[in-house]
Amino acid sequence: MSEPRFFALIIGTEILNRRRSDKHFDFVTNALAQKGHRLSGSFIIEDDPALIVQTLQFIAAQENAVLFSFGGIGSTPDDHTRKCAAIALRDGDLHVHQEAKEIIVNRLGDKAYPYSVRMAELPEGATLLENPVNQMPAFALDERYFFMPGFPEMSHPMVEKILAELLPEKRTYYRHTLTALCKENVFIEVMEKMPEGVEYSSLPKLYSDGWRVSISVASTDAQLALESFNMYIELLEKRKIPYSLEDGHNEN
């Protein structure tokens, strides 16, 4: 796969109705940042099968998508993710994964029946993800769609292991930041000239004494990052707009 685009799918009505707080978004963004990557999108959706299928199909349609999905792979009636993954990414059917069944039965014995053993019913071609807490397996499809429990203590170590395999090398971003005493529309002409391979952002804020805007420029190419950032500096100097610089830094 060429440059991956990472997505998070957080499934659970209990998060949307505030019975539980989401812990996955912050974790995934931080885990990716440590590798020099970021999320392209994150979705929190309710336990609705049609919505789950549609969201999975949307993510799968994105070029080089890698998905971390949290929640809904258990054995209760509101756990729809296994079936929805089969519909969205396979032929729609679930198949008994013999290795998963053996793990569940060996772990639970007779208590695996009649319900827990259902967690071994997976989409065609699923591979297993080791659960470090209770051994109940999660699963992956095509080595880029990863379906994990909603419990952070189970899923977060899985994400770390997956990222270690997908991104064995850290990628360094070279970032430069300034704050200028003006509105952000001053920089539109420069923003329109930003070359490919440069990530840029403007964050405006209104204070009692007027507008300020924080400009950030980053790239994996150190020279390109600096040259692009200097385009903003040149504009500010030309218009005599006051500004302050933050020290340039590397993000590993």
Protein backbone atom coordinates (compact mmCIF):
# COMPACT_ATOMS: atom_id res chain seq x y z
CA MET A 1 0.00 0.00 0.00
CA SER A 2 1.21 3.53 -0.75
CA GLU A 3 0.59 6.38 1.69
CA PRO A 4 -2.11 5.12 4.11
CA ARG A 5 -5.07 7.26 5.15
CA PHE A 6 -6.22 6.42 8.64
CA PHE A 7 -9.83 6.42 9.85
CA ALA A 8 -11.43 5.70 13.20
CA LEU A 9 -14.95 4.34 13.57
CA ILE A 10 -16.34 4.44 17.10
CA ILE A 11 -19.59 2.53 17.42
CA GLY A 12 -21.83 2.89 20.43
CA THR A 13 -25.12 4.56 21.24
CA GLU A 14 -23.92 4.81 24.84
CA ILE A 15 -21.28 7.34 23.74
CA LEU A 16 -23.72 9.50 21.82
CA ASN A 17 -26.19 9.58 24.71
CA ARG A 18 -23.32 10.36 27.12
CA ARG A 19 -23.64 7.24 29.24
CA ARG A 20 -19.98 6.65 28.42
CA SER A 21 -17.18 8.96 27.35
CA ASP A 22 -15.15 8.25 24.24
CA LYS A 23 -11.52 7.36 24.91
CA HIS A 24 -10.56 6.19 21.43
CA PHE A 25 -10.20 9.43 19.45
CA ASP A 26 -7.50 10.97 21.63
CA PHE A 27 -5.65 7.68 21.86
CA VAL A 28 -5.61 7.01 18.13
CA THR A 29 -4.57 10.57 17.23
CA ASN A 30 -1.70 10.43 19.74
CA ALA A 31 -0.61 6.95 18.61
CA LEU A 32 -0.54 8.09 14.99
CA ALA A 33 1.27 11.33 15.86
CA GLN A 34 4.05 9.31 17.45
CA LYS A 35 4.54 7.71 14.04
CA GLY A 36 4.32 10.99 12.14
CA HIS A 37 0.81 10.33 10.82
CA ARG A 38 -2.70 11.62 11.50
CA LEU A 39 -6.32 10.68 11.07
CA SER A 40 -8.09 11.56 7.85
CA GLY A 41 -11.47 11.08 9.50
CA SER A 42 -13.17 9.93 12.68
CA PHE A 43 -16.80 8.88 13.09
CA ILE A 44 -18.89 8.23 16.20
CA ILE A 45 -22.13 6.49 15.27
CA GLU A 46 -24.95 4.69 17.01
CA ASP A 47 -25.60 0.95 17.00
CA ASP A 48 -27.61 1.09 13.80
CA PRO A 49 -26.82 -1.65 11.25
CA ALA A 50 -27.68 0.36 8.16
CA LEU A 51 -25.59 3.30 9.35
CA ILE A 52 -22.66 1.03 10.22
CA VAL A 53 -22.74 -0.57 6.76
CA GLN A 54 -22.95 2.80 5.01
CA THR A 55 -20.08 4.23 7.06
CA LEU A 56 -17.88 1.20 6.39
CA GLN A 57 -18.60 1.44 2.67
CA PHE A 58 -17.76 5.14 2.67
CA ILE A 59 -14.44 4.58 4.43
CA ALA A 60 -13.56 1.61 2.20
CA ALA A 61 -14.14 3.82 -0.85
CA GLN A 62 -11.35 6.17 0.22
CA GLU A 63 -7.99 5.59 -1.42
CA ASN A 64 -5.55 3.58 0.75
CA ALA A 65 -7.93 3.59 3.71
CA VAL A 66 -6.86 1.95 6.96
CA LEU A 67 -9.67 1.59 9.49
CA PHE A 68 -9.62 1.19 13.26
CA SER A 69 -13.16 0.22 14.29
CA PHE A 70 -14.12 0.07 17.95
CA GLY A 71 -17.16 -1.69 19.38
CA GLY A 72 -19.97 -3.99 18.38
CA ILE A 73 -18.11 -7.29 17.88
CA GLY A 74 -19.57 -9.10 20.90
CA SER A 75 -22.40 -11.59 21.11
CA THR A 76 -25.35 -9.51 22.33
CA PRO A 77 -28.22 -8.49 20.02
CA ASP A 78 -26.93 -4.91 19.76
CA ASP A 79 -23.50 -6.05 18.52
CA HIS A 80 -23.87 -5.58 14.77
CA THR A 81 -20.33 -4.91 13.58
CA ARG A 82 -19.36 -8.43 12.52
CA LYS A 83 -22.41 -8.78 10.28
CA CYS A 84 -22.14 -5.22 9.00
CA ALA A 85 -18.49 -5.76 8.05
CA ALA A 86 -19.53 -8.85 6.11
CA ILE A 87 -22.20 -6.88 4.26
CA ALA A 88 -20.02 -3.84 3.56
CA LEU A 89 -16.75 -5.58 2.73
CA ARG A 90 -17.58 -9.18 1.79
CA ASP A 91 -20.51 -11.27 0.51
CA GLY A 92 -22.78 -10.48 3.44
CA ASP A 93 -22.47 -13.86 5.16
CA LEU A 94 -20.80 -14.80 8.42
CA HIS A 95 -18.74 -17.98 8.65
CA VAL A 96 -17.53 -19.88 11.70
CA HIS A 97 -13.85 -19.15 12.11
CA GLN A 98 -12.51 -22.38 13.56
CA GLU A 99 -9.49 -20.88 15.28
CA ALA A 100 -11.63 -18.20 16.90
CA LYS A 101 -14.11 -20.83 18.02
CA GLU A 102 -11.35 -22.90 19.60
CA ILE A 103 -10.01 -19.89 21.48
CA ILE A 104 -13.46 -19.00 22.82
CA VAL A 105 -14.35 -22.55 23.84
CA ASN A 106 -10.95 -23.18 25.43
CA ARG A 107 -11.28 -19.95 27.37
CA LEU A 108 -14.91 -20.30 28.49
CA GLY A 109 -15.64 -24.02 28.33
CA ASP A 110 -19.33 -24.83 28.51
CA LYS A 111 -20.08 -21.16 29.21
CA ALA A 112 -19.19 -20.42 25.60
CA TYR A 113 -22.59 -21.81 24.62
CA PRO A 114 -25.01 -20.71 23.38
CA TYR A 115 -24.02 -17.06 23.06
CA SER A 116 -20.32 -16.25 23.41
CA VAL A 117 -19.38 -18.72 20.68
CA ARG A 118 -21.22 -16.45 18.25
CA MET A 119 -18.17 -14.16 18.34
CA ALA A 120 -16.43 -16.76 16.17
CA GLU A 121 -18.87 -15.99 13.33
CA LEU A 122 -16.81 -13.65 11.16
CA PRO A 123 -16.73 -12.32 7.60
CA GLU A 124 -15.05 -14.47 4.99
CA GLY A 125 -11.26 -14.25 5.03
CA ALA A 126 -11.03 -12.69 8.48
CA THR A 127 -7.73 -12.93 10.35
CA LEU A 128 -7.60 -12.77 14.13
CA LEU A 129 -6.26 -10.05 16.40
CA GLU A 130 -5.02 -11.17 19.78
CA ASN A 131 -6.91 -9.79 22.77
CA PRO A 132 -4.42 -9.11 25.58
CA VAL A 133 -7.05 -9.00 28.32
CA ASN A 134 -9.50 -11.89 28.02
CA GLN A 135 -8.28 -13.65 24.83
CA MET A 136 -11.62 -13.14 23.04
CA PRO A 137 -10.31 -12.48 19.52
CA ALA A 138 -10.92 -9.40 17.43
CA PHE A 139 -10.48 -9.56 13.67
CA ALA A 140 -9.10 -7.87 10.57
CA LEU A 141 -9.96 -7.88 6.87
CA ASP A 142 -7.44 -7.35 4.07
CA GLU A 143 -4.78 -6.31 6.61
CA ARG A 144 -6.25 -2.80 6.68
CA TYR A 145 -9.69 -2.97 8.26
CA PHE A 146 -9.29 -3.70 11.95
CA PHE A 147 -12.32 -4.47 14.12
CA MET A 148 -11.76 -4.34 17.87
CA PRO A 149 -13.74 -4.28 21.11
CA GLY A 150 -15.04 -1.02 22.48
CA PHE A 151 -13.07 -1.53 25.71
CA PRO A 152 -9.93 0.64 25.56
CA GLU A 153 -7.88 -1.72 27.71
CA MET A 154 -8.39 -4.39 25.05
CA SER A 155 -8.33 -2.41 21.82
CA HIS A 156 -5.59 0.14 22.46
CA PRO A 157 -2.78 -2.43 22.78
CA MET A 158 -4.09 -3.92 19.53
CA VAL A 159 -3.77 -0.55 17.80
CA GLU A 160 -0.22 -0.13 19.07
CA LYS A 161 0.74 -3.56 17.76
CA ILE A 162 -0.90 -2.90 14.39
CA LEU A 163 0.88 0.45 13.99
CA ALA A 164 4.22 -1.11 14.90
CA GLU A 165 3.73 -3.52 11.99
CA LEU A 166 2.22 -1.06 9.50
CA LEU A 167 4.58 1.82 10.29
CA PRO A 168 7.87 0.34 11.49
CA GLU A 169 9.71 3.61 10.79
CA LYS A 170 8.85 6.92 12.39
CA ARG A 171 8.18 9.75 9.97
CA THR A 172 9.49 13.20 10.88
CA TYR A 173 7.45 16.33 10.23
CA TYR A 174 9.22 19.69 10.15
CA ARG A 175 6.85 22.34 11.47
CA HIS A 176 7.06 26.13 11.67
CA THR A 177 4.52 28.35 13.41
CA LEU A 178 3.89 32.08 13.83
CA THR A 179 1.23 34.31 15.31
CA ALA A 180 0.33 37.52 13.44
CA LEU A 181 -1.79 40.49 14.47
CA CYS A 182 -4.26 40.36 11.59
CA LYS A 183 -7.20 38.45 10.16
CA GLU A 184 -6.57 35.15 8.43
CA ASN A 185 -7.84 36.38 5.06
CA VAL A 186 -4.58 38.32 4.75
CA PHE A 187 -2.90 34.99 4.00
CA ILE A 188 -5.29 33.61 1.39
CA GLU A 189 -3.04 34.53 -1.53
CA VAL A 190 -0.16 32.65 0.11
CA MET A 191 -2.30 29.67 1.05
CA GLU A 192 -3.34 29.31 -2.58
CA LYS A 193 0.34 28.96 -3.51
CA MET A 194 1.19 26.22 -1.01
CA PRO A 195 2.89 23.36 -2.88
CA GLU A 196 1.86 19.73 -2.73
CA GLY A 197 3.39 17.96 0.21
CA VAL A 198 2.89 20.88 2.59
CA GLU A 199 0.35 20.78 5.39
CA TYR A 200 -0.78 24.23 6.48
CA SER A 201 -3.41 25.69 8.77
CA SER A 202 -4.64 29.05 10.07
CA LEU A 203 -6.31 29.38 13.45
CA PRO A 204 -7.88 32.82 13.99
CA LYS A 205 -9.00 34.19 17.35
CA LEU A 206 -10.60 37.50 18.29
CA TYR A 207 -9.24 39.24 21.39
CA SER A 208 -10.35 42.48 23.01
CA ASP A 209 -7.60 44.35 21.17
CA GLY A 210 -8.20 42.77 17.78
CA TRP A 211 -7.59 39.68 15.66
CA ARG A 212 -4.71 37.27 15.88
CA VAL A 213 -4.07 34.28 13.67
CA SER A 214 -1.73 31.36 14.20
CA ILE A 215 -0.16 30.02 11.01
CA SER A 216 1.38 26.56 10.97
CA VAL A 217 3.29 24.96 8.11
CA ALA A 218 4.66 21.41 8.09
CA SER A 219 6.18 18.89 5.71
CA THR A 220 8.29 15.77 5.75
CA ASP A 221 10.69 17.74 3.53
CA ALA A 222 12.63 20.12 5.79
CA GLN A 223 13.61 22.53 3.01
CA LEU A 224 10.11 22.61 1.53
CA ALA A 225 8.62 23.34 4.95
CA LEU A 226 10.98 26.27 5.53
CA GLU A 227 10.57 27.71 2.04
CA SER A 228 6.79 27.53 2.31
CA PHE A 229 6.80 29.12 5.75
CA ASN A 230 9.00 31.96 4.51
CA MET A 231 6.29 32.88 2.01
CA TYR A 232 4.13 33.92 4.98
CA ILE A 233 7.02 35.81 6.54
CA GLU A 234 7.65 37.72 3.32
CA LEU A 235 4.01 38.78 3.12
CA LEU A 236 4.00 39.99 6.72
CA GLU A 237 7.23 41.92 6.23
CA LYS A 238 5.93 43.49 3.04
CA ARG A 239 2.71 44.66 4.73
CA LYS A 240 4.47 45.58 7.98
CA ILE A 241 2.16 43.39 10.03
CA PRO A 242 3.51 42.55 13.52
CA TYR A 243 4.09 38.86 14.22
CA SER A 244 5.96 36.53 16.53
CA LEU A 245 7.68 33.25 15.73
CA GLU A 246 7.57 29.97 17.57
CA ASP A 247 10.68 27.87 17.40
CA GLY A 248 10.61 25.44 14.49
CA HIS A 249 10.46 21.87 15.67
CA ASN A 250 10.42 18.32 14.46
CA GLU A 251 7.54 15.94 15.11
CA ASN A 252 8.60 12.32 15.16
